[in-house]
PDB file of N, CA and C in Angstrom:
ATOM      1  N   MET A   1     -78.030 -94.330-116.249  1.00  0.00           N
ATOM      2  CA  MET A   1     -77.637 -93.838-116.929  1.00  0.00           C
ATOM      3  C   MET A   1     -78.310 -92.707-116.861  1.00  0.00           C
ATOM      4  N   ARG A   2     -76.979 -91.820-116.976  1.00  0.00           N
ATOM      5  CA  ARG A   2     -77.039 -90.494-117.286  1.00  0.00           C
ATOM      6  C   ARG A   2     -77.488 -90.102-119.314  1.00  0.00           C
ATOM      7  N   GLY A   3     -78.055 -88.889-118.767  1.00  0.00           N
ATOM      8  CA  GLY A   3     -78.388 -88.536-120.444  1.00  0.00           C
ATOM      9  C   GLY A   3     -77.541 -88.212-120.882  1.00  0.00           C
ATOM     10  N   LYS A   4     -77.451 -88.080-122.757  1.00  0.00           N
ATOM     11  CA  LYS A   4     -76.082 -88.216-123.159  1.00  0.00           C
ATOM     12  C   LYS A   4     -76.882 -86.809-124.206  1.00  0.00           C
ATOM     13  N   VAL A   5     -75.293 -85.780-124.729  1.00  0.00           N
ATOM     14  CA  VAL A   5     -75.945 -84.810-125.570  1.00  0.00           C
ATOM     15  C   VAL A   5     -74.719 -84.630-126.558  1.00  0.00           C
ATOM     16  N   GLU A   6     -74.770 -84.053-127.686  1.00  0.00           N
ATOM     17  CA  GLU A   6     -73.375 -83.631-128.879  1.00  0.00           C
ATOM     18  C   GLU A   6     -73.238 -81.961-128.406  1.00  0.00           C
ATOM     19  N   ILE A   7     -71.959 -82.002-127.753  1.00  0.00           N
ATOM     20  CA  ILE A   7     -71.395 -81.094-127.485  1.00  0.00           C
ATOM     21  C   ILE A   7     -70.690 -80.463-128.614  1.00  0.00           C
ATOM     22  N   CYS A   8     -70.244 -79.533-129.599  1.00  0.00           N
ATOM     23  CA  CYS A   8     -69.271 -78.946-130.466  1.00  0.00           C
ATOM     24  C   CYS A   8     -69.487 -80.399-131.514  1.00  0.00           C
ATOM     25  N   GLY A   9     -70.208 -81.121-131.621  1.00  0.00           N
ATOM     26  CA  GLY A   9     -69.792 -81.843-132.671  1.00  0.00           C
ATOM     27  C   GLY A   9     -69.328 -83.633-132.232  1.00  0.00           C
ATOM     28  N   VAL A  10     -69.555 -83.426-130.983  1.00  0.00           N
ATOM     29  CA  VAL A  10     -68.760 -84.497-130.221  1.00  0.00           C
ATOM     30  C   VAL A  10     -69.645 -85.400-129.478  1.00  0.00           C
ATOM     31  N   ASN A  11     -70.299 -86.698-129.527  1.00  0.00           N
ATOM     32  CA  ASN A  11     -70.778 -87.324-129.191  1.00  0.00           C
ATOM     33  C   ASN A  11     -70.561 -87.474-127.769  1.00  0.00           C
ATOM     34  N   THR A  12     -71.471 -87.376-127.043  1.00  0.00           N
ATOM     35  CA  THR A  12     -70.872 -87.942-125.659  1.00  0.00           C
ATOM     36  C   THR A  12     -71.060 -89.402-125.170  1.00  0.00           C
ATOM     37  N   ALA A  13     -72.098 -89.999-126.119  1.00  0.00           N
ATOM     38  CA  ALA A  13     -72.176 -91.145-125.648  1.00  0.00           C
ATOM     39  C   ALA A  13     -71.284 -91.974-125.845  1.00  0.00           C
ATOM     40  N   LYS A  14     -70.396 -91.892-126.944  1.00  0.00           N
ATOM     41  CA  LYS A  14     -69.253 -92.720-126.969  1.00  0.00           C
ATOM     42  C   LYS A  14     -68.218 -92.570-126.046  1.00  0.00           C
ATOM     43  N   LEU A  15     -68.151 -91.407-124.458  1.00  0.00           N
ATOM     44  CA  LEU A  15     -67.473 -91.051-124.120  1.00  0.00           C
ATOM     45  C   LEU A  15     -67.322 -92.347-122.766  1.00  0.00           C
ATOM     46  N   LYS A  16     -65.885 -92.673-122.479  1.00  0.00           N
ATOM     47  CA  LYS A  16     -66.560 -93.442-121.071  1.00  0.00           C
ATOM     48  C   LYS A  16     -66.636 -92.496-119.821  1.00  0.00           C
ATOM     49  N   VAL A  17     -67.764 -93.728-119.213  1.00  0.00           N
ATOM     50  CA  VAL A  17     -67.943 -92.966-117.770  1.00  0.00           C
ATOM     51  C   VAL A  17     -66.799 -93.344-116.848  1.00  0.00           C
ATOM     52  N   LEU A  18     -66.368 -92.227-115.885  1.00  0.00           N
ATOM     53  CA  LEU A  18     -65.395 -92.630-115.345  1.00  0.00           C
ATOM     54  C   LEU A  18     -65.746 -93.341-113.817  1.00  0.00           C
ATOM     55  N   LYS A  19     -65.282 -94.330-113.324  1.00  0.00           N
ATOM     56  CA  LYS A  19     -65.615 -94.621-111.509  1.00  0.00           C
ATOM     57  C   LYS A  19     -65.317 -93.338-110.747  1.00  0.00           C
ATOM     58  N   ASN A  20     -65.458 -93.554-109.810  1.00  0.00           N
ATOM     59  CA  ASN A  20     -65.141 -92.501-109.108  1.00  0.00           C
ATOM     60  C   ASN A  20     -64.050 -92.113-108.379  1.00  0.00           C
ATOM     61  N   GLU A  21     -63.175 -93.085-108.398  1.00  0.00           N
ATOM     62  CA  GLU A  21     -61.589 -93.501-107.970  1.00  0.00           C
ATOM     63  C   GLU A  21     -61.387 -93.151-109.165  1.00  0.00           C
ATOM     64  N   GLU A  22     -61.694 -93.164-110.221  1.00  0.00           N
ATOM     65  CA  GLU A  22     -60.402 -92.601-111.209  1.00  0.00           C
ATOM     66  C   GLU A  22     -60.958 -91.143-111.551  1.00  0.00           C
ATOM     67  N   MET A  23     -61.895 -90.525-111.100  1.00  0.00           N
ATOM     68  CA  MET A  23     -62.233 -89.493-111.549  1.00  0.00           C
ATOM     69  C   MET A  23     -61.769 -88.402-109.621  1.00  0.00           C
ATOM     70  N   THR A  24     -61.605 -88.841-108.962  1.00  0.00           N
ATOM     71  CA  THR A  24     -60.522 -88.348-108.115  1.00  0.00           C
ATOM     72  C   THR A  24     -59.076 -88.583-108.116  1.00  0.00           C
ATOM     73  N   GLU A  25     -58.478 -89.227-108.833  1.00  0.00           N
ATOM     74  CA  GLU A  25     -57.046 -89.379-109.501  1.00  0.00           C
ATOM     75  C   GLU A  25     -56.529 -88.467-109.987  1.00  0.00           C
ATOM     76  N   LEU A  26     -57.486 -88.702-111.146  1.00  0.00           N
ATOM     77  CA  LEU A  26     -57.689 -87.277-112.823  1.00  0.00           C
ATOM     78  C   LEU A  26     -57.408 -86.012-111.753  1.00  0.00           C
ATOM     79  N   LEU A  27     -58.655 -85.787-111.022  1.00  0.00           N
ATOM     80  CA  LEU A  27     -58.372 -84.847-109.952  1.00  0.00           C
ATOM     81  C   LEU A  27     -57.389 -84.109-109.106  1.00  0.00           C
ATOM     82  N   LYS A  28     -56.763 -85.292-108.110  1.00  0.00           N
ATOM     83  CA  LYS A  28     -55.062 -85.143-107.853  1.00  0.00           C
ATOM     84  C   LYS A  28     -54.749 -84.562-108.767  1.00  0.00           C
ATOM     85  N   GLN A  29     -54.354 -84.944-109.812  1.00  0.00           N
ATOM     86  CA  GLN A  29     -53.307 -84.805-111.016  1.00  0.00           C
ATOM     87  C   GLN A  29     -53.062 -83.452-111.332  1.00  0.00           C
ATOM     88  N   PHE A  30     -54.662 -83.046-111.649  1.00  0.00           N
ATOM     89  CA  PHE A  30     -55.290 -81.573-112.234  1.00  0.00           C
ATOM     90  C   PHE A  30     -54.809 -80.860-110.906  1.00  0.00           C
ATOM     91  N   GLN A  31     -54.614 -80.915-109.751  1.00  0.00           N
ATOM     92  CA  GLN A  31     -54.480 -79.804-109.108  1.00  0.00           C
ATOM     93  C   GLN A  31     -52.894 -79.522-108.562  1.00  0.00           C
ATOM     94  N   GLN A  32     -52.322 -81.081-109.044  1.00  0.00           N
ATOM     95  CA  GLN A  32     -50.775 -80.789-108.795  1.00  0.00           C
ATOM     96  C   GLN A  32     -50.151 -79.888-109.620  1.00  0.00           C
ATOM     97  N   ARG A  33     -50.903 -80.374-110.945  1.00  0.00           N
ATOM     98  CA  ARG A  33     -50.236 -79.691-111.833  1.00  0.00           C
ATOM     99  C   ARG A  33     -50.372 -77.831-112.317  1.00  0.00           C
ATOM    100  N   LEU A  34     -51.278 -77.781-111.739  1.00  0.00           N
ATOM    101  CA  LEU A  34     -52.204 -76.529-111.740  1.00  0.00           C
ATOM    102  C   LEU A  34     -51.472 -76.099-110.627  1.00  0.00           C
ATOM    103  N   GLY A  35     -51.005 -76.608-109.459  1.00  0.00           N
ATOM    104  CA  GLY A  35     -49.881 -76.204-108.252  1.00  0.00           C
ATOM    105  C   GLY A  35     -48.559 -75.321-108.874  1.00  0.00           C
ATOM    106  N   ASP A  36     -48.065 -76.800-110.029  1.00  0.00           N
ATOM    107  CA  ASP A  36     -46.954 -76.410-110.215  1.00  0.00           C
ATOM    108  C   ASP A  36     -46.775 -75.035-111.381  1.00  0.00           C
ATOM    109  N   LEU A  37     -47.862 -74.870-111.763  1.00  0.00           N
ATOM    110  CA  LEU A  37     -48.108 -73.770-113.022  1.00  0.00           C
ATOM    111  C   LEU A  37     -48.076 -72.509-112.261  1.00  0.00           C
ATOM    112  N   PHE A  38     -49.118 -72.698-110.962  1.00  0.00           N
ATOM    113  CA  PHE A  38     -48.766 -71.236-110.545  1.00  0.00           C
ATOM    114  C   PHE A  38     -48.047 -70.868-109.940  1.00  0.00           C
ATOM    115  N   PHE A  39     -47.219 -72.032-109.248  1.00  0.00           N
ATOM    116  CA  PHE A  39     -45.555 -72.032-108.862  1.00  0.00           C
ATOM    117  C   PHE A  39     -44.619 -71.252-110.012  1.00  0.00           C
ATOM    118  N   TYR A  40     -44.723 -71.885-110.896  1.00  0.00           N
ATOM    119  CA  TYR A  40     -43.758 -70.645-112.160  1.00  0.00           C
ATOM    120  C   TYR A  40     -44.201 -70.027-112.462  1.00  0.00           C
ATOM    121  N   ILE A  41     -45.170 -69.709-112.894  1.00  0.00           N
ATOM    122  CA  ILE A  41     -45.734 -68.590-112.974  1.00  0.00           C
ATOM    123  C   ILE A  41     -45.221 -67.141-112.213  1.00  0.00           C
ATOM    124  N   GLY A  42     -45.534 -67.141-110.355  1.00  0.00           N
ATOM    125  CA  GLY A  42     -44.879 -66.733-109.481  1.00  0.00           C
ATOM    126  C   GLY A  42     -43.402 -66.513-110.012  1.00  0.00           C
ATOM    127  N   VAL A  43     -42.117 -67.557-110.298  1.00  0.00           N
ATOM    128  CA  VAL A  43     -41.561 -67.376-110.600  1.00  0.00           C
ATOM    129  C   VAL A  43     -41.321 -66.307-111.220  1.00  0.00           C
ATOM    130  N   LEU A  44     -41.867 -66.544-112.603  1.00  0.00           N
ATOM    131  CA  LEU A  44     -41.588 -65.873-113.945  1.00  0.00           C
ATOM    132  C   LEU A  44     -41.779 -64.522-113.839  1.00  0.00           C
ATOM    133  N   PHE A  45     -43.106 -63.933-112.847  1.00  0.00           N
ATOM    134  CA  PHE A  45     -43.523 -62.389-112.311  1.00  0.00           C
ATOM    135  C   PHE A  45     -42.275 -62.152-111.217  1.00  0.00           C
ATOM    136  N   PHE A  46     -41.162 -62.708-110.838  1.00  0.00           N
ATOM    137  CA  PHE A  46     -40.372 -62.326-109.843  1.00  0.00           C
ATOM    138  C   PHE A  46     -39.502 -62.014-110.486  1.00  0.00           C
ATOM    139  N   VAL A  47     -39.000 -62.695-111.861  1.00  0.00           N
ATOM    140  CA  VAL A  47     -38.111 -62.311-112.810  1.00  0.00           C
ATOM    141  C   VAL A  47     -38.074 -61.210-113.605  1.00  0.00           C
ATOM    142  N   ILE A  48     -39.496 -60.810-113.894  1.00  0.00           N
ATOM    143  CA  ILE A  48     -39.508 -59.885-114.817  1.00  0.00           C
ATOM    144  C   ILE A  48     -39.600 -58.727-114.253  1.00  0.00           C
ATOM    145  N   HIS A  49     -40.341 -58.421-112.828  1.00  0.00           N
ATOM    146  CA  HIS A  49     -40.240 -57.490-112.228  1.00  0.00           C
ATOM    147  C   HIS A  49     -39.266 -57.192-110.696  1.00  0.00           C
ATOM    148  N   ASP A  50     -37.850 -57.916-111.189  1.00  0.00           N
ATOM    149  CA  ASP A  50     -36.709 -57.911-109.883  1.00  0.00           C
ATOM    150  C   ASP A  50     -35.387 -58.113-111.259  1.00  0.00           C
ATOM    151  N   GLY A  51     -35.465 -58.271-112.324  1.00  0.00           N
ATOM    152  CA  GLY A  51     -34.739 -58.455-112.986  1.00  0.00           C
ATOM    153  C   GLY A  51     -33.262 -59.715-113.265  1.00  0.00           C
ATOM    154  N   THR A  52     -33.561 -60.573-112.416  1.00  0.00           N
ATOM    155  CA  THR A  52     -32.931 -61.915-112.195  1.00  0.00           C
ATOM    156  C   THR A  52     -32.553 -62.098-113.812  1.00  0.00           C
ATOM    157  N   ASN A  53     -31.198 -62.540-113.531  1.00  0.00           N
ATOM    158  CA  ASN A  53     -30.447 -64.138-114.736  1.00  0.00           C
ATOM    159  C   ASN A  53     -31.903 -64.397-115.498  1.00  0.00           C
ATOM    160  N   LEU A  54     -32.942 -64.263-116.603  1.00  0.00           N
ATOM    161  CA  LEU A  54     -33.033 -65.741-116.501  1.00  0.00           C
ATOM    162  C   LEU A  54     -32.461 -67.345-117.027  1.00  0.00           C
ATOM    163  N   PRO A  55     -31.425 -67.181-117.644  1.00  0.00           N
ATOM    164  CA  PRO A  55     -30.555 -68.457-117.532  1.00  0.00           C
ATOM    165  C   PRO A  55     -30.318 -69.182-116.359  1.00  0.00           C
ATOM    166  N   VAL A  56     -30.165 -68.389-115.589  1.00  0.00           N
ATOM    167  CA  VAL A  56     -30.102 -68.844-114.020  1.00  0.00           C
ATOM    168  C   VAL A  56     -31.192 -69.206-113.864  1.00  0.00           C
ATOM    169  N   LEU A  57     -32.300 -68.346-114.405  1.00  0.00           N
ATOM    170  CA  LEU A  57     -34.220 -68.716-114.056  1.00  0.00           C
ATOM    171  C   LEU A  57     -34.090 -70.701-114.501  1.00  0.00           C
ATOM    172  N   CYS A  58     -33.568 -70.323-116.021  1.00  0.00           N
ATOM    173  CA  CYS A  58     -34.304 -71.869-116.375  1.00  0.00           C
ATOM    174  C   CYS A  58     -33.920 -72.854-115.734  1.00  0.00           C
ATOM    175  N   HIS A  59     -32.015 -71.992-115.154  1.00  0.00           N
ATOM    176  CA  HIS A  59     -31.253 -73.459-114.940  1.00  0.00           C
ATOM    177  C   HIS A  59     -32.180 -74.889-113.252  1.00  0.00           C
ATOM    178  N   PHE A  60     -32.825 -73.661-112.821  1.00  0.00           N
ATOM    179  CA  PHE A  60     -33.380 -73.371-111.323  1.00  0.00           C
ATOM    180  C   PHE A  60     -34.672 -74.958-111.796  1.00  0.00           C
ATOM    181  N   CYS A  61     -35.604 -74.132-112.646  1.00  0.00           N
ATOM    182  CA  CYS A  61     -36.187 -75.226-113.177  1.00  0.00           C
ATOM    183  C   CYS A  61     -36.234 -76.464-113.750  1.00  0.00           C
ATOM    184  N   ALA A  62     -35.267 -76.069-114.170  1.00  0.00           N
ATOM    185  CA  ALA A  62     -34.971 -77.510-115.065  1.00  0.00           C
ATOM    186  C   ALA A  62     -34.786 -78.384-113.545  1.00  0.00           C
ATOM    187  N   LYS A  63     -34.176 -78.264-112.815  1.00  0.00           N
ATOM    188  CA  LYS A  63     -33.627 -79.149-111.707  1.00  0.00           C
ATOM    189  C   LYS A  63     -34.579 -79.516-110.567  1.00  0.00           C
ATOM    190  N   TYR A  64     -35.613 -78.112-110.148  1.00  0.00           N
ATOM    191  CA  TYR A  64     -37.144 -78.743-109.843  1.00  0.00           C
ATOM    192  C   TYR A  64     -37.701 -79.474-110.895  1.00  0.00           C
TER     193      TYR A  64
END
């Protein structure tokens, strides 16, 4: 059993320990969402510096 500690008032002994498969799946989901976030940041950066019409951008993002 791993050692448990209290972090900022959260007793880690009460937290569920994930199986390897569960951790791998959560990491994949996190990486996908992080990639999506970087995509949107890149599009916004382009819009800000290029002067593209923001409603057009919102329509594009809704389709994506």
